[in-house]
Amino acid sequence: PSTVGAFNVTNLPLSAYSFVAIVFISNMDTGNQN
């Protein structure tokens, strides 16, 4: 996660799901990475 810019996540079985939940860090530059 510390080296991510624009990127693709491939080979996901998305057709089997109605929704996705994405967990993310708001700002990798800060010490408080919520």
Full PDB file with SEQRES, HELIX, SHEET, SSBOND, CRYST1, ORIGX, SCALE, CONECT and MASTER records, all heavy atoms in Angstrom:
SEQRES   1 A   34  PRO SER THR VAL GLY ALA PHE ASN VAL THR ASN LEU PRO          
SEQRES   2 A   34  LEU SER ALA TYR SER PHE VAL ALA ILE VAL PHE ILE SER          
SEQRES   3 A   34  ASN MET ASP THR GLY ASN GLN ASN                              
HELIX    1 AA1 LEU A   14  ALA A   16  5                                   3    
CRYST1    1.000    1.000    1.000  90.00  90.00  90.00 P 1           1          
ORIGX1      1.000000  0.000000  0.000000        0.00000                         
ORIGX2      0.000000  1.000000  0.000000        0.00000                         
ORIGX3      0.000000  0.000000  1.000000        0.00000                         
SCALE1      1.000000  0.000000  0.000000        0.00000                         
SCALE2      0.000000  1.000000  0.000000        0.00000                         
SCALE3      0.000000  0.000000  1.000000        0.00000                         
ATOM      1  N   PRO A   1       0.783  -1.235   0.000  1.00  0.00           N  
ATOM      2  CA  PRO A   1       0.000   0.000   0.000  1.00  0.00           C  
ATOM      3  C   PRO A   1       0.816   1.287   0.000  1.00  0.00           C  
ATOM      4  O   PRO A   1       0.331   2.316  -0.421  1.00  0.00           O  
ATOM      5  CB  PRO A   1      -0.845  -0.099   1.268  1.00  0.00           C  
ATOM      6  CG  PRO A   1      -0.131  -1.068   2.128  1.00  0.00           C  
ATOM      7  CD  PRO A   1       0.568  -2.018   1.204  1.00  0.00           C  
ATOM      8  N   SER A   2       2.066   1.235   0.424  1.00  0.00           N  
ATOM      9  CA  SER A   2       2.850   2.474   0.500  1.00  0.00           C  
ATOM     10  C   SER A   2       3.392   2.917  -0.856  1.00  0.00           C  
ATOM     11  O   SER A   2       3.931   4.009  -0.975  1.00  0.00           O  
ATOM     12  CB  SER A   2       3.996   2.316   1.490  1.00  0.00           C  
ATOM     13  OG  SER A   2       4.885   1.317   1.045  1.00  0.00           O  
ATOM     14  N   THR A   3       3.245   2.107  -1.897  1.00  0.00           N  
ATOM     15  CA  THR A   3       3.801   2.453  -3.210  1.00  0.00           C  
ATOM     16  C   THR A   3       2.733   2.557  -4.295  1.00  0.00           C  
ATOM     17  O   THR A   3       3.032   2.474  -5.465  1.00  0.00           O  
ATOM     18  CB  THR A   3       4.847   1.405  -3.645  1.00  0.00           C  
ATOM     19  OG1 THR A   3       4.216   0.127  -3.715  1.00  0.00           O  
ATOM     20  CG2 THR A   3       6.008   1.357  -2.697  1.00  0.00           C  
ATOM     21  N   VAL A   4       1.488   2.755  -3.932  1.00  0.00           N  
ATOM     22  CA  VAL A   4       0.395   2.705  -4.902  1.00  0.00           C  
ATOM     23  C   VAL A   4       0.077   4.073  -5.484  1.00  0.00           C  
ATOM     24  O   VAL A   4      -0.172   5.020  -4.750  1.00  0.00           O  
ATOM     25  CB  VAL A   4      -0.874   2.113  -4.240  1.00  0.00           C  
ATOM     26  CG1 VAL A   4      -2.059   2.203  -5.178  1.00  0.00           C  
ATOM     27  CG2 VAL A   4      -0.625   0.673  -3.868  1.00  0.00           C  
ATOM     28  N   GLY A   5       0.100   4.179  -6.809  1.00  0.00           N  
ATOM     29  CA  GLY A   5      -0.409   5.341  -7.538  1.00  0.00           C  
ATOM     30  C   GLY A   5      -1.680   4.878  -8.249  1.00  0.00           C  
ATOM     31  O   GLY A   5      -2.490   4.165  -7.674  1.00  0.00           O  
ATOM     32  N   ALA A   6      -1.843   5.240  -9.505  1.00  0.00           N  
ATOM     33  CA  ALA A   6      -2.945   4.712 -10.303  1.00  0.00           C  
ATOM     34  C   ALA A   6      -2.628   3.252 -10.623  1.00  0.00           C  
ATOM     35  O   ALA A   6      -1.478   2.901 -10.883  1.00  0.00           O  
ATOM     36  CB  ALA A   6      -3.098   5.522 -11.584  1.00  0.00           C  
ATOM     37  N   PHE A   7      -3.633   2.381 -10.574  1.00  0.00           N  
ATOM     38  CA  PHE A   7      -3.394   0.960 -10.827  1.00  0.00           C  
ATOM     39  C   PHE A   7      -4.711   0.249 -11.115  1.00  0.00           C  
ATOM     40  O   PHE A   7      -5.790   0.778 -10.860  1.00  0.00           O  
ATOM     41  CB  PHE A   7      -2.690   0.309  -9.634  1.00  0.00           C  
ATOM     42  CG  PHE A   7      -3.528   0.237  -8.391  1.00  0.00           C  
ATOM     43  CD1 PHE A   7      -4.139  -0.951  -8.026  1.00  0.00           C  
ATOM     44  CD2 PHE A   7      -3.709   1.348  -7.580  1.00  0.00           C  
ATOM     45  CE1 PHE A   7      -4.914  -1.021  -6.883  1.00  0.00           C  
ATOM     46  CE2 PHE A   7      -4.479   1.286  -6.440  1.00  0.00           C  
ATOM     47  CZ  PHE A   7      -5.083   0.094  -6.089  1.00  0.00           C  
ATOM     48  N   ASN A   8      -4.604  -0.974 -11.635  1.00  0.00           N  
ATOM     49  CA  ASN A   8      -5.766  -1.823 -11.891  1.00  0.00           C  
ATOM     50  C   ASN A   8      -5.711  -3.051 -10.997  1.00  0.00           C  
ATOM     51  O   ASN A   8      -4.647  -3.614 -10.771  1.00  0.00           O  
ATOM     52  CB  ASN A   8      -5.801  -2.294 -13.348  1.00  0.00           C  
ATOM     53  CG  ASN A   8      -6.054  -1.171 -14.317  1.00  0.00           C  
ATOM     54  OD1 ASN A   8      -6.562  -0.124 -13.949  1.00  0.00           O  
ATOM     55  ND2 ASN A   8      -5.693  -1.381 -15.559  1.00  0.00           N  
ATOM     56  N   VAL A   9      -6.876  -3.464 -10.489  1.00  0.00           N  
ATOM     57  CA  VAL A   9      -7.016  -4.743  -9.797  1.00  0.00           C  
ATOM     58  C   VAL A   9      -7.774  -5.634 -10.773  1.00  0.00           C  
ATOM     59  O   VAL A   9      -8.906  -5.319 -11.155  1.00  0.00           O  
ATOM     60  CB  VAL A   9      -7.784  -4.594  -8.470  1.00  0.00           C  
ATOM     61  CG1 VAL A   9      -7.987  -5.953  -7.829  1.00  0.00           C  
ATOM     62  CG2 VAL A   9      -7.043  -3.664  -7.532  1.00  0.00           C  
ATOM     63  N   THR A  10      -7.150  -6.712 -11.212  1.00  0.00           N  
ATOM     64  CA  THR A  10      -7.719  -7.543 -12.271  1.00  0.00           C  
ATOM     65  C   THR A  10      -8.151  -8.913 -11.759  1.00  0.00           C  
ATOM     66  O   THR A  10      -7.842  -9.304 -10.634  1.00  0.00           O  
ATOM     67  CB  THR A  10      -6.704  -7.733 -13.407  1.00  0.00           C  
ATOM     68  OG1 THR A  10      -5.538  -8.371 -12.872  1.00  0.00           O  
ATOM     69  CG2 THR A  10      -6.306  -6.396 -14.020  1.00  0.00           C  
ATOM     70  N   ASN A  11      -8.861  -9.633 -12.615  1.00  0.00           N  
ATOM     71  CA  ASN A  11      -9.311 -11.005 -12.366  1.00  0.00           C  
ATOM     72  C   ASN A  11     -10.195 -11.136 -11.128  1.00  0.00           C  
ATOM     73  O   ASN A  11     -10.121 -12.117 -10.390  1.00  0.00           O  
ATOM     74  CB  ASN A  11      -8.125 -11.970 -12.263  1.00  0.00           C  
ATOM     75  CG  ASN A  11      -7.308 -11.998 -13.540  1.00  0.00           C  
ATOM     76  OD1 ASN A  11      -7.871 -12.024 -14.634  1.00  0.00           O  
ATOM     77  ND2 ASN A  11      -6.012 -11.961 -13.412  1.00  0.00           N  
ATOM     78  N   LEU A  12     -11.040 -10.131 -10.891  1.00  0.00           N  
ATOM     79  CA  LEU A  12     -11.994 -10.193  -9.784  1.00  0.00           C  
ATOM     80  C   LEU A  12     -13.298 -10.813 -10.286  1.00  0.00           C  
ATOM     81  O   LEU A  12     -13.767 -10.456 -11.370  1.00  0.00           O  
ATOM     82  CB  LEU A  12     -12.283  -8.787  -9.246  1.00  0.00           C  
ATOM     83  CG  LEU A  12     -11.106  -8.024  -8.664  1.00  0.00           C  
ATOM     84  CD1 LEU A  12     -11.517  -6.600  -8.341  1.00  0.00           C  
ATOM     85  CD2 LEU A  12     -10.582  -8.720  -7.428  1.00  0.00           C  
ATOM     86  N   PRO A  13     -13.919 -11.713  -9.528  1.00  0.00           N  
ATOM     87  CA  PRO A  13     -15.179 -12.333  -9.947  1.00  0.00           C  
ATOM     88  C   PRO A  13     -16.375 -11.412  -9.678  1.00  0.00           C  
ATOM     89  O   PRO A  13     -17.322 -11.773  -8.967  1.00  0.00           O  
ATOM     90  CB  PRO A  13     -15.233 -13.602  -9.098  1.00  0.00           C  
ATOM     91  CG  PRO A  13     -14.528 -13.219  -7.832  1.00  0.00           C  
ATOM     92  CD  PRO A  13     -13.429 -12.272  -8.258  1.00  0.00           C  
ATOM     93  N   LEU A  14     -16.351 -10.211 -10.242  1.00  0.00           N  
ATOM     94  CA  LEU A  14     -17.352  -9.192  -9.915  1.00  0.00           C  
ATOM     95  C   LEU A  14     -18.774  -9.604 -10.299  1.00  0.00           C  
ATOM     96  O   LEU A  14     -19.730  -9.190  -9.644  1.00  0.00           O  
ATOM     97  CB  LEU A  14     -16.988  -7.867 -10.588  1.00  0.00           C  
ATOM     98  CG  LEU A  14     -15.673  -7.245 -10.109  1.00  0.00           C  
ATOM     99  CD1 LEU A  14     -15.356  -5.984 -10.915  1.00  0.00           C  
ATOM    100  CD2 LEU A  14     -15.729  -6.935  -8.630  1.00  0.00           C  
ATOM    101  N   SER A  15     -18.944 -10.416 -11.323  1.00  0.00           N  
ATOM    102  CA  SER A  15     -20.297 -10.812 -11.753  1.00  0.00           C  
ATOM    103  C   SER A  15     -21.020 -11.647 -10.700  1.00  0.00           C  
ATOM    104  O   SER A  15     -22.239 -11.776 -10.736  1.00  0.00           O  
ATOM    105  CB  SER A  15     -20.245 -11.567 -13.081  1.00  0.00           C  
ATOM    106  OG  SER A  15     -19.510 -12.767 -12.931  1.00  0.00           O  
ATOM    107  N   ALA A  16     -20.297 -12.186  -9.726  1.00  0.00           N  
ATOM    108  CA  ALA A  16     -20.902 -12.994  -8.664  1.00  0.00           C  
ATOM    109  C   ALA A  16     -21.434 -12.141  -7.514  1.00  0.00           C  
ATOM    110  O   ALA A  16     -22.039 -12.663  -6.585  1.00  0.00           O  
ATOM    111  CB  ALA A  16     -19.884 -13.999  -8.124  1.00  0.00           C  
ATOM    112  N   TYR A  17     -21.223 -10.812  -7.578  1.00  0.00           N  
ATOM    113  CA  TYR A  17     -21.579  -9.933  -6.466  1.00  0.00           C  
ATOM    114  C   TYR A  17     -22.393  -8.740  -6.948  1.00  0.00           C  
ATOM    115  O   TYR A  17     -22.305  -8.332  -8.094  1.00  0.00           O  
ATOM    116  CB  TYR A  17     -20.301  -9.441  -5.756  1.00  0.00           C  
ATOM    117  CG  TYR A  17     -19.502 -10.591  -5.214  1.00  0.00           C  
ATOM    118  CD1 TYR A  17     -18.459 -11.143  -5.945  1.00  0.00           C  
ATOM    119  CD2 TYR A  17     -19.827 -11.161  -3.999  1.00  0.00           C  
ATOM    120  CE1 TYR A  17     -17.741 -12.227  -5.466  1.00  0.00           C  
ATOM    121  CE2 TYR A  17     -19.121 -12.249  -3.510  1.00  0.00           C  
ATOM    122  CZ  TYR A  17     -18.077 -12.776  -4.250  1.00  0.00           C  
ATOM    123  OH  TYR A  17     -17.385 -13.857  -3.772  1.00  0.00           O  
ATOM    124  N   SER A  18     -23.172  -8.187  -6.038  1.00  0.00           N  
ATOM    125  CA  SER A  18     -23.958  -6.983  -6.325  1.00  0.00           C  
ATOM    126  C   SER A  18     -23.226  -5.714  -5.918  1.00  0.00           C  
ATOM    127  O   SER A  18     -23.433  -4.655  -6.499  1.00  0.00           O  
ATOM    128  CB  SER A  18     -25.296  -7.039  -5.581  1.00  0.00           C  
ATOM    129  OG  SER A  18     -26.032  -8.165  -5.962  1.00  0.00           O  
ATOM    130  N   PHE A  19     -22.393  -5.820  -4.880  1.00  0.00           N  
ATOM    131  CA  PHE A  19     -21.707  -4.672  -4.314  1.00  0.00           C  
ATOM    132  C   PHE A  19     -20.255  -5.039  -4.013  1.00  0.00           C  
ATOM    133  O   PHE A  19     -19.920  -6.216  -3.903  1.00  0.00           O  
ATOM    134  CB  PHE A  19     -22.348  -4.236  -2.985  1.00  0.00           C  
ATOM    135  CG  PHE A  19     -23.796  -3.889  -3.081  1.00  0.00           C  
ATOM    136  CD1 PHE A  19     -24.773  -4.859  -2.919  1.00  0.00           C  
ATOM    137  CD2 PHE A  19     -24.191  -2.583  -3.336  1.00  0.00           C  
ATOM    138  CE1 PHE A  19     -26.124  -4.541  -3.008  1.00  0.00           C  
ATOM    139  CE2 PHE A  19     -25.532  -2.252  -3.430  1.00  0.00           C  
ATOM    140  CZ  PHE A  19     -26.499  -3.235  -3.261  1.00  0.00           C  
ATOM    141  N   VAL A  20     -19.416  -4.013  -3.865  1.00  0.00           N  
ATOM    142  CA  VAL A  20     -18.088  -4.206  -3.290  1.00  0.00           C  
ATOM    143  C   VAL A  20     -17.940  -3.257  -2.114  1.00  0.00           C  
ATOM    144  O   VAL A  20     -18.507  -2.159  -2.112  1.00  0.00           O  
ATOM    145  CB  VAL A  20     -16.926  -3.966  -4.289  1.00  0.00           C  
ATOM    146  CG1 VAL A  20     -16.925  -4.998  -5.390  1.00  0.00           C  
ATOM    147  CG2 VAL A  20     -16.916  -2.561  -4.820  1.00  0.00           C  
ATOM    148  N   ALA A  21     -17.230  -3.711  -1.109  1.00  0.00           N  
ATOM    149  CA  ALA A  21     -16.818  -2.859   0.002  1.00  0.00           C  
ATOM    150  C   ALA A  21     -15.320  -2.655  -0.160  1.00  0.00           C  
ATOM    151  O   ALA A  21     -14.581  -3.622  -0.343  1.00  0.00           O  
ATOM    152  CB  ALA A  21     -17.125  -3.521   1.337  1.00  0.00           C  
ATOM    153  N   ILE A  22     -14.899  -1.395  -0.142  1.00  0.00           N  
ATOM    154  CA  ILE A  22     -13.485  -1.091  -0.293  1.00  0.00           C  
ATOM    155  C   ILE A  22     -12.987  -0.466   1.010  1.00  0.00           C  
ATOM    156  O   ILE A  22     -13.525   0.528   1.481  1.00  0.00           O  
ATOM    157  CB  ILE A  22     -13.242  -0.143  -1.475  1.00  0.00           C  
ATOM    158  CG1 ILE A  22     -13.745  -0.788  -2.772  1.00  0.00           C  
ATOM    159  CG2 ILE A  22     -11.749   0.204  -1.582  1.00  0.00           C  
ATOM    160  CD1 ILE A  22     -13.642   0.092  -3.993  1.00  0.00           C  
ATOM    161  N   VAL A  23     -11.984  -1.114   1.598  1.00  0.00           N  
ATOM    162  CA  VAL A  23     -11.329  -0.603   2.793  1.00  0.00           C  
ATOM    163  C   VAL A  23     -10.112   0.176   2.297  1.00  0.00           C  
ATOM    164  O   VAL A  23      -9.348  -0.316   1.470  1.00  0.00           O  
ATOM    165  CB  VAL A  23     -10.889  -1.759   3.722  1.00  0.00           C  
ATOM    166  CG1 VAL A  23     -10.142  -1.213   4.937  1.00  0.00           C  
ATOM    167  CG2 VAL A  23     -12.096  -2.591   4.142  1.00  0.00           C  
ATOM    168  N   PHE A  24      -9.947   1.404   2.811  1.00  0.00           N  
ATOM    169  CA  PHE A  24      -8.843   2.227   2.336  1.00  0.00           C  
ATOM    170  C   PHE A  24      -8.288   3.103   3.452  1.00  0.00           C  
ATOM    171  O   PHE A  24      -8.934   3.345   4.458  1.00  0.00           O  
ATOM    172  CB  PHE A  24      -9.272   3.086   1.139  1.00  0.00           C  
ATOM    173  CG  PHE A  24     -10.344   4.098   1.440  1.00  0.00           C  
ATOM    174  CD1 PHE A  24     -10.017   5.426   1.676  1.00  0.00           C  
ATOM    175  CD2 PHE A  24     -11.684   3.729   1.475  1.00  0.00           C  
ATOM    176  CE1 PHE A  24     -11.004   6.366   1.936  1.00  0.00           C  
ATOM    177  CE2 PHE A  24     -12.673   4.661   1.737  1.00  0.00           C  
ATOM    178  CZ  PHE A  24     -12.332   5.986   1.970  1.00  0.00           C  
ATOM    179  N   ILE A  25      -7.050   3.553   3.241  1.00  0.00           N  
ATOM    180  CA  ILE A  25      -6.375   4.489   4.148  1.00  0.00           C  
ATOM    181  C   ILE A  25      -6.479   5.868   3.522  1.00  0.00           C  
ATOM    182  O   ILE A  25      -6.156   6.051   2.347  1.00  0.00           O  
ATOM    183  CB  ILE A  25      -4.913   4.089   4.372  1.00  0.00           C  
ATOM    184  CG1 ILE A  25      -4.847   2.773   5.139  1.00  0.00           C  
ATOM    185  CG2 ILE A  25      -4.149   5.182   5.112  1.00  0.00           C  
ATOM    186  CD1 ILE A  25      -3.460   2.218   5.321  1.00  0.00           C  
ATOM    187  N   SER A  26      -6.911   6.859   4.304  1.00  0.00           N  
ATOM    188  CA  SER A  26      -7.132   8.193   3.745  1.00  0.00           C  
ATOM    189  C   SER A  26      -5.835   8.865   3.305  1.00  0.00           C  
ATOM    190  O   SER A  26      -5.809   9.524   2.273  1.00  0.00           O  
ATOM    191  CB  SER A  26      -7.871   9.081   4.743  1.00  0.00           C  
ATOM    192  OG  SER A  26      -7.099   9.236   5.923  1.00  0.00           O  
ATOM    193  N   ASN A  27      -4.747   8.692   4.070  1.00  0.00           N  
ATOM    194  CA  ASN A  27      -3.506   9.376   3.725  1.00  0.00           C  
ATOM    195  C   ASN A  27      -2.317   8.587   4.260  1.00  0.00           C  
ATOM    196  O   ASN A  27      -2.080   8.566   5.458  1.00  0.00           O  
ATOM    197  CB  ASN A  27      -3.512  10.794   4.302  1.00  0.00           C  
ATOM    198  CG  ASN A  27      -2.315  11.612   3.876  1.00  0.00           C  
ATOM    199  OD1 ASN A  27      -1.360  11.097   3.310  1.00  0.00           O  
ATOM    200  ND2 ASN A  27      -2.358  12.894   4.150  1.00  0.00           N  
ATOM    201  N   MET A  28      -1.564   7.962   3.372  1.00  0.00           N  
ATOM    202  CA  MET A  28      -0.399   7.165   3.769  1.00  0.00           C  
ATOM    203  C   MET A  28       0.754   8.040   4.268  1.00  0.00           C  
ATOM    204  O   MET A  28       1.695   7.548   4.856  1.00  0.00           O  
ATOM    205  CB  MET A  28       0.095   6.318   2.590  1.00  0.00           C  
ATOM    206  CG  MET A  28      -0.832   5.195   2.194  1.00  0.00           C  
ATOM    207  SD  MET A  28      -1.017   3.925   3.450  1.00  0.00           S  
ATOM    208  CE  MET A  28       0.638   3.284   3.524  1.00  0.00           C  
ATOM    209  N   ASP A  29       0.705   9.356   4.024  1.00  0.00           N  
ATOM    210  CA  ASP A  29       1.786  10.258   4.437  1.00  0.00           C  
ATOM    211  C   ASP A  29       1.731  10.623   5.913  1.00  0.00           C  
ATOM    212  O   ASP A  29       2.690  11.154   6.445  1.00  0.00           O  
ATOM    213  CB  ASP A  29       1.751  11.557   3.619  1.00  0.00           C  
ATOM    214  CG  ASP A  29       2.339  11.366   2.234  1.00  0.00           C  
ATOM    215  OD1 ASP A  29       3.113  10.413   2.047  1.00  0.00           O  
ATOM    216  OD2 ASP A  29       2.023  12.166   1.348  1.00  0.00           O  
ATOM    217  N   THR A  30       0.614  10.410   6.567  1.00  0.00           N  
ATOM    218  CA  THR A  30       0.490  10.834   7.959  1.00  0.00           C  
ATOM    219  C   THR A  30       0.776   9.678   8.904  1.00  0.00           C  
ATOM    220  O   THR A  30       0.682   8.512   8.536  1.00  0.00           O  
ATOM    221  CB  THR A  30      -0.933  11.355   8.247  1.00  0.00           C  
ATOM    222  OG1 THR A  30      -1.855  10.269   8.119  1.00  0.00           O  
ATOM    223  CG2 THR A  30      -1.310  12.477   7.304  1.00  0.00           C  
ATOM    224  N   GLY A  31       1.103  10.000  10.138  1.00  0.00           N  
ATOM    225  CA  GLY A  31       1.325   8.976  11.149  1.00  0.00           C  
ATOM    226  C   GLY A  31       0.017   8.356  11.618  1.00  0.00           C  
ATOM    227  O   GLY A  31      -0.020   7.249  12.129  1.00  0.00           O  
ATOM    228  N   ASN A  32      -1.099   9.058  11.431  1.00  0.00           N  
ATOM    229  CA  ASN A  32      -2.411   8.580  11.857  1.00  0.00           C  
ATOM    230  C   ASN A  32      -3.156   8.052  10.636  1.00  0.00           C  
ATOM    231  O   ASN A  32      -3.943   8.745  10.024  1.00  0.00           O  
ATOM    232  CB  ASN A  32      -3.189   9.721  12.519  1.00  0.00           C  
ATOM    233  CG  ASN A  32      -4.490   9.249  13.104  1.00  0.00           C  
ATOM    234  OD1 ASN A  32      -4.731   8.052  13.233  1.00  0.00           O  
ATOM    235  ND2 ASN A  32      -5.347  10.186  13.460  1.00  0.00           N  
ATOM    236  N   GLN A  33      -2.870   6.822  10.258  1.00  0.00           N  
ATOM    237  CA  GLN A  33      -3.414   6.243   9.032  1.00  0.00           C  
ATOM    238  C   GLN A  33      -4.748   5.558   9.311  1.00  0.00           C  
ATOM    239  O   GLN A  33      -4.825   4.350   9.492  1.00  0.00           O  
ATOM    240  CB  GLN A  33      -2.410   5.285   8.411  1.00  0.00           C  
ATOM    241  CG  GLN A  33      -1.144   5.991   7.998  1.00  0.00           C  
ATOM    242  CD  GLN A  33      -0.069   5.044   7.507  1.00  0.00           C  
ATOM    243  OE1 GLN A  33      -0.171   3.836   7.669  1.00  0.00           O  
ATOM    244  NE2 GLN A  33       0.963   5.582   6.909  1.00  0.00           N  
ATOM    245  N   ASN A  34      -5.814   6.354   9.361  1.00  0.00           N  
ATOM    246  CA  ASN A  34      -7.141   5.823   9.651  1.00  0.00           C  
ATOM    247  C   ASN A  34      -7.659   4.979   8.504  1.00  0.00           C  
ATOM    248  O   ASN A  34      -7.480   5.318   7.339  1.00  0.00           O  
ATOM    249  CB  ASN A  34      -8.122   6.983   9.906  1.00  0.00           C  
ATOM    250  CG  ASN A  34      -7.796   7.725  11.177  1.00  0.00           C  
ATOM    251  OD1 ASN A  34      -7.361   7.130  12.156  1.00  0.00           O  
ATOM    252  ND2 ASN A  34      -8.005   9.029  11.159  1.00  0.00           N  
TER     253      ASN A  34                                                      
MASTER        0    0    0    1    0    0    0    6  252    1    0    3          
END                                                                             
